[in-house]
N, C-alpha and C. Protein backbone atom coordinates (compact mmCIF):
# COMPACT_ATOMS: atom_id res chain seq x y z
N MET A 1 10.04 -56.84 -26.96
CA MET A 1 9.55 -56.46 -26.26
C MET A 1 10.31 -55.26 -25.37
N THR A 2 12.09 -55.60 -25.31
CA THR A 2 12.51 -54.91 -24.31
C THR A 2 12.92 -53.50 -25.67
N ARG A 3 13.21 -53.85 -26.68
CA ARG A 3 13.01 -52.64 -27.86
C ARG A 3 12.05 -51.75 -27.89
N THR A 4 10.59 -52.09 -27.44
CA THR A 4 9.56 -51.00 -27.48
C THR A 4 9.52 -50.73 -26.36
N LEU A 5 9.87 -51.26 -24.91
CA LEU A 5 9.90 -50.18 -23.80
C LEU A 5 10.90 -49.46 -23.90
N ARG A 6 12.22 -49.59 -24.37
CA ARG A 6 13.16 -48.47 -24.40
C ARG A 6 12.81 -47.17 -25.38
N LEU A 7 11.92 -47.68 -26.41
CA LEU A 7 11.79 -46.59 -27.35
C LEU A 7 10.80 -45.91 -26.67
N LEU A 8 9.50 -46.49 -26.06
CA LEU A 8 8.27 -45.76 -25.28
C LEU A 8 8.76 -45.00 -24.30
N SER A 9 10.01 -45.60 -23.36
CA SER A 9 10.77 -44.93 -22.09
C SER A 9 11.23 -43.56 -22.92
N LEU A 10 11.96 -43.52 -24.13
CA LEU A 10 12.46 -42.60 -24.55
C LEU A 10 11.37 -41.57 -25.16
N VAL A 11 10.75 -41.93 -25.87
CA VAL A 11 9.51 -40.92 -26.00
C VAL A 11 8.85 -40.16 -25.06
N LEU A 12 8.45 -40.87 -23.80
CA LEU A 12 8.05 -40.15 -22.61
C LEU A 12 8.97 -39.57 -21.82
N LEU A 13 10.51 -39.99 -21.88
CA LEU A 13 11.24 -39.09 -21.63
C LEU A 13 11.65 -37.56 -22.34
N ILE A 14 11.37 -37.54 -23.66
CA ILE A 14 11.50 -36.47 -24.60
C ILE A 14 10.34 -35.41 -24.28
N VAL A 15 8.95 -35.97 -24.06
CA VAL A 15 7.83 -35.35 -23.90
C VAL A 15 7.84 -34.91 -22.46
N CYS A 16 8.43 -35.45 -21.49
CA CYS A 16 8.33 -34.89 -20.09
C CYS A 16 9.11 -33.84 -19.89
N THR A 17 10.56 -33.89 -20.39
CA THR A 17 11.50 -32.58 -20.26
C THR A 17 11.31 -31.64 -20.94
N SER A 18 10.81 -31.91 -22.53
CA SER A 18 10.86 -30.84 -23.24
C SER A 18 9.83 -30.18 -23.09
N ALA A 19 9.58 -28.51 -22.94
CA ALA A 19 8.93 -27.60 -22.72
C ALA A 19 7.61 -27.47 -23.67
N CYS A 20 6.39 -27.22 -23.13
CA CYS A 20 5.37 -27.29 -24.15
C CYS A 20 4.27 -25.74 -24.38
N ALA A 21 5.90 -24.88 -24.35
CA ALA A 21 5.30 -23.75 -24.46
C ALA A 21 5.18 -23.26 -25.95
N GLY A 22 4.36 -22.20 -25.93
CA GLY A 22 4.51 -21.64 -27.64
C GLY A 22 5.38 -20.42 -27.73
N PRO A 23 5.29 -19.62 -28.51
CA PRO A 23 6.37 -18.89 -28.88
C PRO A 23 5.80 -17.56 -27.49
N PRO A 24 6.70 -16.74 -27.46
CA PRO A 24 6.59 -15.73 -26.03
C PRO A 24 5.16 -14.87 -26.23
N ILE A 25 4.78 -14.45 -25.46
CA ILE A 25 3.77 -13.65 -25.37
C ILE A 25 4.02 -12.33 -25.54
N PRO A 26 3.48 -11.44 -26.64
CA PRO A 26 4.26 -10.10 -26.58
C PRO A 26 3.78 -9.00 -25.51
N HIS A 27 4.67 -8.30 -25.23
CA HIS A 27 4.09 -7.16 -24.18
C HIS A 27 4.92 -6.23 -24.26
N GLU A 28 4.43 -5.10 -23.55
CA GLU A 28 4.53 -3.75 -23.59
C GLU A 28 5.75 -3.93 -22.65
N PRO A 29 6.98 -3.03 -22.41
CA PRO A 29 7.99 -2.85 -21.64
C PRO A 29 7.37 -2.15 -20.28
N ASP A 30 7.66 -2.62 -19.21
CA ASP A 30 7.46 -1.92 -17.98
C ASP A 30 8.02 -0.78 -17.46
N VAL A 31 7.70 0.53 -18.09
CA VAL A 31 8.72 1.69 -17.88
C VAL A 31 7.63 2.90 -17.69
N ILE A 32 7.88 3.52 -16.80
CA ILE A 32 7.12 4.68 -16.42
C ILE A 32 8.41 5.63 -15.94
N ASP A 33 7.80 7.08 -16.93
CA ASP A 33 8.32 8.30 -16.82
C ASP A 33 7.77 9.30 -16.21
N VAL A 34 7.95 9.76 -15.33
CA VAL A 34 6.98 11.00 -14.30
C VAL A 34 7.83 12.02 -13.87
N MET A 35 7.15 13.33 -13.83
CA MET A 35 7.77 14.04 -13.11
C MET A 35 7.38 13.99 -11.71
N LEU A 36 8.04 14.82 -10.63
CA LEU A 36 7.86 14.45 -9.63
C LEU A 36 8.31 15.89 -8.83
N PRO A 37 7.28 16.29 -7.83
CA PRO A 37 7.66 17.51 -7.28
C PRO A 37 8.56 17.76 -6.10
N ALA A 38 9.69 16.90 -6.06
CA ALA A 38 10.85 16.80 -4.94
C ALA A 38 12.23 17.09 -5.83
N GLN A 39 13.04 17.25 -4.86
CA GLN A 39 14.34 17.60 -5.39
C GLN A 39 15.10 16.20 -5.79
N ALA A 40 16.03 16.12 -6.73
CA ALA A 40 16.16 14.80 -7.15
C ALA A 40 17.28 13.99 -6.52
N ASP A 41 18.01 14.91 -5.50
CA ASP A 41 18.68 13.94 -4.22
C ASP A 41 17.48 13.11 -3.15
N ARG A 42 16.28 14.15 -2.96
CA ARG A 42 15.06 13.19 -2.10
C ARG A 42 14.75 11.81 -3.08
N VAL A 43 14.50 12.34 -4.40
CA VAL A 43 14.06 11.11 -5.11
C VAL A 43 14.84 9.95 -5.15
N LYS A 44 16.22 10.27 -5.57
CA LYS A 44 17.17 8.99 -5.17
C LYS A 44 17.10 8.32 -4.19
N THR A 45 17.09 8.84 -2.65
CA THR A 45 17.23 8.54 -1.60
C THR A 45 15.77 7.75 -1.55
N ALA A 46 14.71 7.95 -1.93
CA ALA A 46 13.40 7.51 -1.98
C ALA A 46 13.42 6.14 -2.84
N VAL A 47 14.15 6.12 -4.09
CA VAL A 47 14.16 4.92 -4.90
C VAL A 47 15.00 4.03 -4.22
N ILE A 48 16.17 4.31 -3.87
CA ILE A 48 16.99 3.32 -3.13
C ILE A 48 16.38 2.69 -1.93
N GLN A 49 15.55 3.48 -1.13
CA GLN A 49 14.98 2.79 0.02
C GLN A 49 13.98 1.65 -0.56
N VAL A 50 13.32 2.29 -1.57
CA VAL A 50 12.02 1.34 -1.79
C VAL A 50 12.59 0.00 -2.03
N LEU A 51 13.29 0.26 -3.20
CA LEU A 51 14.22 -0.75 -3.96
C LEU A 51 14.51 -1.74 -3.10
N THR A 52 15.70 -1.05 -1.91
CA THR A 52 16.65 -2.05 -0.96
C THR A 52 15.56 -3.02 -0.01
N GLU A 53 14.11 -2.16 0.05
CA GLU A 53 12.85 -2.92 0.88
C GLU A 53 12.50 -4.07 0.60
N GLY A 54 12.25 -3.55 -1.14
CA GLY A 54 11.86 -4.59 -1.82
C GLY A 54 12.66 -5.66 -2.34
N GLY A 55 13.64 -5.86 -1.69
CA GLY A 55 15.06 -6.95 -1.70
C GLY A 55 16.03 -6.99 -2.97
N TYR A 56 15.86 -5.72 -3.79
CA TYR A 56 16.86 -5.50 -4.59
C TYR A 56 18.33 -4.85 -4.04
N ALA A 57 19.11 -5.23 -4.55
CA ALA A 57 20.58 -4.99 -4.03
C ALA A 57 20.88 -3.85 -5.04
N VAL A 58 21.05 -2.62 -4.63
CA VAL A 58 21.10 -1.05 -5.53
C VAL A 58 22.53 -1.01 -5.70
N ASP A 59 23.00 -0.61 -7.01
CA ASP A 59 24.34 -0.02 -7.44
C ASP A 59 23.91 1.37 -8.15
N ARG A 60 24.94 2.30 -7.90
CA ARG A 60 24.89 3.58 -8.43
C ARG A 60 26.12 3.62 -9.82
N LYS A 61 25.22 3.49 -11.02
CA LYS A 61 25.87 3.64 -12.35
C LYS A 61 27.05 5.20 -12.31
N ASP A 62 25.80 6.35 -11.85
CA ASP A 62 26.62 7.50 -12.39
C ASP A 62 25.93 8.41 -11.36
N ASP A 63 25.70 9.76 -11.54
CA ASP A 63 25.07 10.56 -10.62
C ASP A 63 23.50 10.40 -11.18
N GLN A 64 22.83 9.75 -12.12
CA GLN A 64 21.61 10.30 -12.61
C GLN A 64 21.13 8.34 -12.48
N SER A 65 21.94 7.41 -12.84
CA SER A 65 21.70 6.59 -12.84
C SER A 65 21.41 5.23 -11.84
N LEU A 66 20.65 4.58 -11.57
CA LEU A 66 20.52 3.59 -10.49
C LEU A 66 20.16 1.80 -11.17
N THR A 67 21.29 1.18 -10.90
CA THR A 67 20.24 -0.44 -11.31
C THR A 67 20.62 -1.07 -10.35
N THR A 68 19.91 -2.54 -10.26
CA THR A 68 19.67 -3.58 -9.61
C THR A 68 20.01 -4.64 -10.20
N GLY A 69 20.39 -5.70 -9.04
CA GLY A 69 20.76 -7.28 -9.54
C GLY A 69 19.42 -7.76 -9.52
N TYR A 70 19.26 -9.29 -9.65
CA TYR A 70 17.60 -9.78 -9.77
C TYR A 70 17.35 -9.61 -8.14
N ARG A 71 16.11 -9.48 -7.96
CA ARG A 71 15.31 -9.37 -6.82
C ARG A 71 15.66 -10.57 -5.78
N GLU A 72 15.81 -10.52 -4.51
CA GLU A 72 15.84 -11.51 -3.80
C GLU A 72 14.58 -11.94 -3.30
N GLU A 73 14.25 -13.48 -3.44
CA GLU A 73 13.11 -13.77 -3.44
C GLU A 73 12.96 -14.30 -2.10
N ILE A 74 14.16 -15.02 -1.41
CA ILE A 74 13.93 -15.59 -0.16
C ILE A 74 15.29 -14.98 0.52
N SER A 75 15.13 -14.98 1.91
CA SER A 75 16.56 -14.84 2.39
C SER A 75 17.20 -15.87 3.10
N GLY A 76 18.46 -16.09 2.58
CA GLY A 76 18.94 -17.61 3.00
C GLY A 76 20.01 -17.90 1.88
N PRO A 77 20.44 -19.15 2.20
CA PRO A 77 21.46 -19.18 1.42
C PRO A 77 20.93 -20.20 -0.22
N TRP A 78 19.65 -20.35 -0.21
CA TRP A 78 19.03 -21.03 -1.49
C TRP A 78 18.63 -20.31 -2.29
N ASP A 79 18.73 -18.98 -2.06
CA ASP A 79 17.92 -17.77 -2.98
C ASP A 79 18.60 -18.01 -4.32
N TRP A 80 19.81 -18.31 -4.65
CA TRP A 80 20.49 -18.53 -5.95
C TRP A 80 19.92 -19.46 -6.98
N LEU A 81 18.90 -20.45 -5.86
CA LEU A 81 18.54 -21.77 -7.10
C LEU A 81 17.20 -21.03 -7.38
N LEU A 82 16.74 -19.72 -6.69
CA LEU A 82 15.18 -19.80 -7.40
C LEU A 82 15.61 -18.72 -8.42
N ARG A 83 16.53 -18.01 -8.55
CA ARG A 83 17.06 -17.01 -9.41
C ARG A 83 17.63 -17.79 -10.56
N TRP A 84 18.22 -19.11 -10.49
CA TRP A 84 18.79 -19.71 -11.48
C TRP A 84 17.86 -21.06 -11.93
N ARG A 85 17.35 -21.49 -11.16
CA ARG A 85 16.69 -22.83 -11.99
C ARG A 85 15.54 -22.67 -11.49
N PHE A 86 14.85 -22.67 -10.01
CA PHE A 86 13.81 -23.07 -9.44
C PHE A 86 12.61 -22.29 -9.76
N GLY A 87 12.95 -21.17 -10.23
CA GLY A 87 11.95 -19.98 -9.63
C GLY A 87 11.08 -19.83 -10.87
N THR A 88 9.91 -19.24 -11.06
CA THR A 88 9.01 -18.74 -11.94
C THR A 88 9.58 -17.77 -12.28
N GLY A 89 9.80 -16.72 -11.88
CA GLY A 89 9.95 -15.34 -12.10
C GLY A 89 11.05 -14.57 -11.33
N ARG A 90 11.64 -13.95 -11.99
CA ARG A 90 12.81 -13.13 -11.38
C ARG A 90 12.80 -11.60 -12.06
N SER A 91 12.97 -10.76 -11.46
CA SER A 91 12.99 -9.21 -12.02
C SER A 91 14.17 -8.46 -11.28
N ARG A 92 14.57 -7.46 -11.99
CA ARG A 92 15.67 -6.33 -11.96
C ARG A 92 15.16 -5.07 -12.30
N VAL A 93 15.90 -3.73 -11.79
CA VAL A 93 15.12 -2.40 -11.88
C VAL A 93 16.13 -1.32 -12.62
N GLU A 94 15.88 -0.79 -13.53
CA GLU A 94 16.94 0.37 -13.87
C GLU A 94 16.26 1.27 -13.83
N ALA A 95 16.90 2.71 -12.76
CA ALA A 95 16.30 3.85 -12.61
C ALA A 95 17.03 5.10 -12.84
N MET A 96 16.23 6.00 -13.65
CA MET A 96 17.00 7.14 -13.92
C MET A 96 16.58 8.44 -13.05
N VAL A 97 17.16 8.97 -12.52
CA VAL A 97 16.65 10.34 -11.99
C VAL A 97 17.28 11.50 -12.14
N THR A 98 16.66 12.31 -13.29
CA THR A 98 17.36 13.83 -13.14
C THR A 98 16.57 14.89 -12.85
N PRO A 99 17.20 15.84 -12.34
CA PRO A 99 16.56 17.41 -11.87
C PRO A 99 16.00 18.00 -13.06
N ALA A 100 15.07 18.28 -13.14
CA ALA A 100 14.14 19.15 -14.01
C ALA A 100 13.92 20.79 -13.97
N SER A 101 14.00 21.05 -12.05
CA SER A 101 14.26 22.15 -11.79
C SER A 101 14.69 22.23 -10.37
N GLU A 102 14.69 23.34 -9.32
CA GLU A 102 15.22 23.23 -8.37
C GLU A 102 14.70 22.30 -7.51
N GLN A 103 13.26 22.57 -7.60
CA GLN A 103 12.08 21.70 -6.67
C GLN A 103 11.63 20.34 -7.56
N SER A 104 11.73 20.22 -8.67
CA SER A 104 11.22 18.76 -9.34
C SER A 104 12.09 18.37 -9.82
N SER A 105 11.96 16.68 -10.00
CA SER A 105 13.11 16.08 -10.88
C SER A 105 11.76 14.86 -11.74
N ARG A 106 12.72 14.34 -12.57
CA ARG A 106 12.09 13.48 -13.68
C ARG A 106 12.64 12.04 -13.15
N LEU A 107 11.95 11.15 -13.12
CA LEU A 107 12.11 9.67 -12.93
C LEU A 107 11.81 8.74 -13.71
N ARG A 108 12.56 7.81 -14.31
CA ARG A 108 12.31 6.70 -15.03
C ARG A 108 12.69 5.74 -14.81
N LEU A 109 11.78 4.63 -14.76
CA LEU A 109 11.86 3.22 -13.69
C LEU A 109 11.38 2.43 -15.11
N ASN A 110 12.34 1.43 -15.15
CA ASN A 110 12.05 0.06 -16.43
C ASN A 110 12.38 -0.93 -15.54
N VAL A 111 11.27 -1.68 -15.38
CA VAL A 111 11.36 -2.61 -14.40
C VAL A 111 11.50 -4.13 -15.93
N LEU A 112 12.44 -5.22 -15.39
CA LEU A 112 12.99 -5.95 -16.53
C LEU A 112 12.40 -6.90 -15.69
N TYR A 113 11.81 -7.77 -16.07
CA TYR A 113 10.72 -9.13 -15.64
C TYR A 113 10.97 -10.23 -16.57
N GLU A 114 11.39 -11.51 -16.29
CA GLU A 114 11.82 -12.61 -16.81
C GLU A 114 11.04 -13.59 -16.21
N GLY A 115 10.10 -14.69 -16.79
CA GLY A 115 9.65 -15.68 -16.55
C GLY A 115 9.87 -16.95 -17.16
N LYS A 116 9.42 -18.16 -16.27
CA LYS A 116 9.67 -19.46 -17.06
C LYS A 116 8.77 -20.45 -16.68
N ASP A 117 8.21 -21.43 -17.28
CA ASP A 117 7.48 -22.39 -16.90
C ASP A 117 7.56 -23.62 -16.69
N GLY A 118 8.96 -23.84 -16.78
CA GLY A 118 9.15 -25.12 -16.29
C GLY A 118 10.78 -25.27 -15.53
N LEU A 119 11.22 -26.19 -15.23
CA LEU A 119 12.81 -26.51 -14.51
C LEU A 119 13.70 -26.72 -15.74
N PHE A 120 13.47 -27.18 -16.82
CA PHE A 120 14.50 -27.25 -17.50
C PHE A 120 14.41 -26.15 -18.92
N THR A 121 13.45 -24.90 -18.60
CA THR A 121 12.88 -23.97 -19.59
C THR A 121 14.01 -22.91 -19.58
N ARG A 122 14.07 -22.08 -20.64
CA ARG A 122 14.97 -20.92 -20.51
C ARG A 122 14.22 -19.74 -19.92
N TRP A 123 14.64 -18.93 -19.40
CA TRP A 123 14.20 -17.39 -18.73
C TRP A 123 14.02 -16.67 -19.89
N GLU A 124 12.67 -15.99 -19.78
CA GLU A 124 12.20 -15.28 -21.35
C GLU A 124 11.66 -14.10 -20.71
N ASP A 125 11.52 -13.01 -21.15
CA ASP A 125 10.60 -11.85 -21.06
C ASP A 125 9.12 -12.31 -21.01
N SER A 126 8.79 -11.34 -19.71
CA SER A 126 7.40 -11.77 -19.40
C SER A 126 6.83 -10.67 -18.94
N PRO A 127 5.77 -10.23 -18.84
CA PRO A 127 4.69 -9.33 -18.38
C PRO A 127 5.40 -9.44 -16.69
N THR A 128 5.50 -8.05 -16.37
CA THR A 128 5.67 -7.96 -15.07
C THR A 128 4.32 -8.19 -14.04
N ALA A 129 5.07 -9.12 -12.90
CA ALA A 129 4.21 -9.68 -11.69
C ALA A 129 4.09 -8.23 -11.08
N LEU A 130 2.70 -7.79 -10.59
CA LEU A 130 2.23 -6.73 -10.17
C LEU A 130 2.77 -6.43 -9.11
N PRO A 131 3.26 -7.15 -8.00
CA PRO A 131 4.34 -6.73 -6.53
C PRO A 131 5.42 -5.98 -7.13
N GLN A 132 6.00 -6.26 -8.34
CA GLN A 132 7.53 -5.79 -8.81
C GLN A 132 6.97 -4.88 -10.10
N SER A 133 5.85 -4.69 -10.44
CA SER A 133 5.58 -3.69 -11.62
C SER A 133 6.27 -1.82 -11.08
N ALA A 134 6.31 -1.33 -12.41
CA ALA A 134 6.83 -0.15 -12.03
C ALA A 134 5.74 0.74 -11.44
N ALA A 135 4.57 0.72 -11.66
CA ALA A 135 3.55 0.74 -11.16
C ALA A 135 3.18 1.10 -9.72
N ASN A 136 3.71 -0.21 -9.37
CA ASN A 136 3.77 -0.46 -8.06
C ASN A 136 4.87 0.27 -7.45
N GLN A 137 6.36 0.20 -7.91
CA GLN A 137 7.34 1.07 -7.32
C GLN A 137 7.17 2.27 -7.21
N LEU A 138 6.74 2.97 -8.11
CA LEU A 138 6.33 4.17 -8.35
C LEU A 138 5.75 4.62 -7.16
N ARG A 139 4.37 3.85 -6.93
CA ARG A 139 3.10 4.30 -5.66
C ARG A 139 4.03 4.49 -4.38
N LEU A 140 5.08 3.35 -4.45
CA LEU A 140 6.03 3.50 -3.14
C LEU A 140 7.04 4.23 -3.28
N ILE A 141 7.58 4.83 -4.07
CA ILE A 141 8.11 6.00 -4.18
C ILE A 141 7.58 7.10 -3.48
N LYS A 142 6.30 7.27 -4.28
CA LYS A 142 5.58 8.48 -4.05
C LYS A 142 5.05 8.43 -2.54
N ASN A 143 4.86 7.31 -1.63
CA ASN A 143 4.49 7.19 -0.30
C ASN A 143 5.84 7.60 0.71
N ALA A 144 7.08 7.16 0.11
CA ALA A 144 8.44 7.38 0.78
C ALA A 144 8.46 8.81 0.61
N LEU A 145 8.44 9.62 -0.43
CA LEU A 145 8.34 11.25 -0.76
C LEU A 145 7.37 11.69 -0.08
N GLN A 146 6.16 10.98 0.31
CA GLN A 146 5.18 11.53 0.99
C GLN A 146 4.20 12.72 0.10
N LEU A 147 4.19 12.18 -1.02
CA LEU A 147 3.38 12.78 -2.14
C LEU A 147 1.99 12.38 -2.15
N LEU A 148 1.69 11.25 -1.64
CA LEU A 148 0.35 10.95 -1.67
C LEU A 148 -0.76 11.13 -1.17
């Protein structure tokens, strides 16, 4: 009887802790490449403003490239738990602003979103959640530039 209980508890433990997910869902990368009728410096400032207000810490790689760390989901000392283990989604952004002419610039936004469906599962590339999507970021940037 004890052996059967051990075997049953082992089977239940394996079933409960293993992920029941299938292969990752294929999706298109969340990338937007647009021309904006604004100078590159104004666009960079707007991108930094929008991403910072969205909870991202923005780093400048060079004169054209901006990258972020993972988005801060909650303010406080426990945010790292959401990004590390307990969260279901996390995102970061790569942006490139290049001048096209004196009064226009090219903006390329790439939102990298990862998700998981359990406490003990790995982070995997996932379709971007709408609030963090590249289209929504572009809308916010255009609004900051007063282009809408």
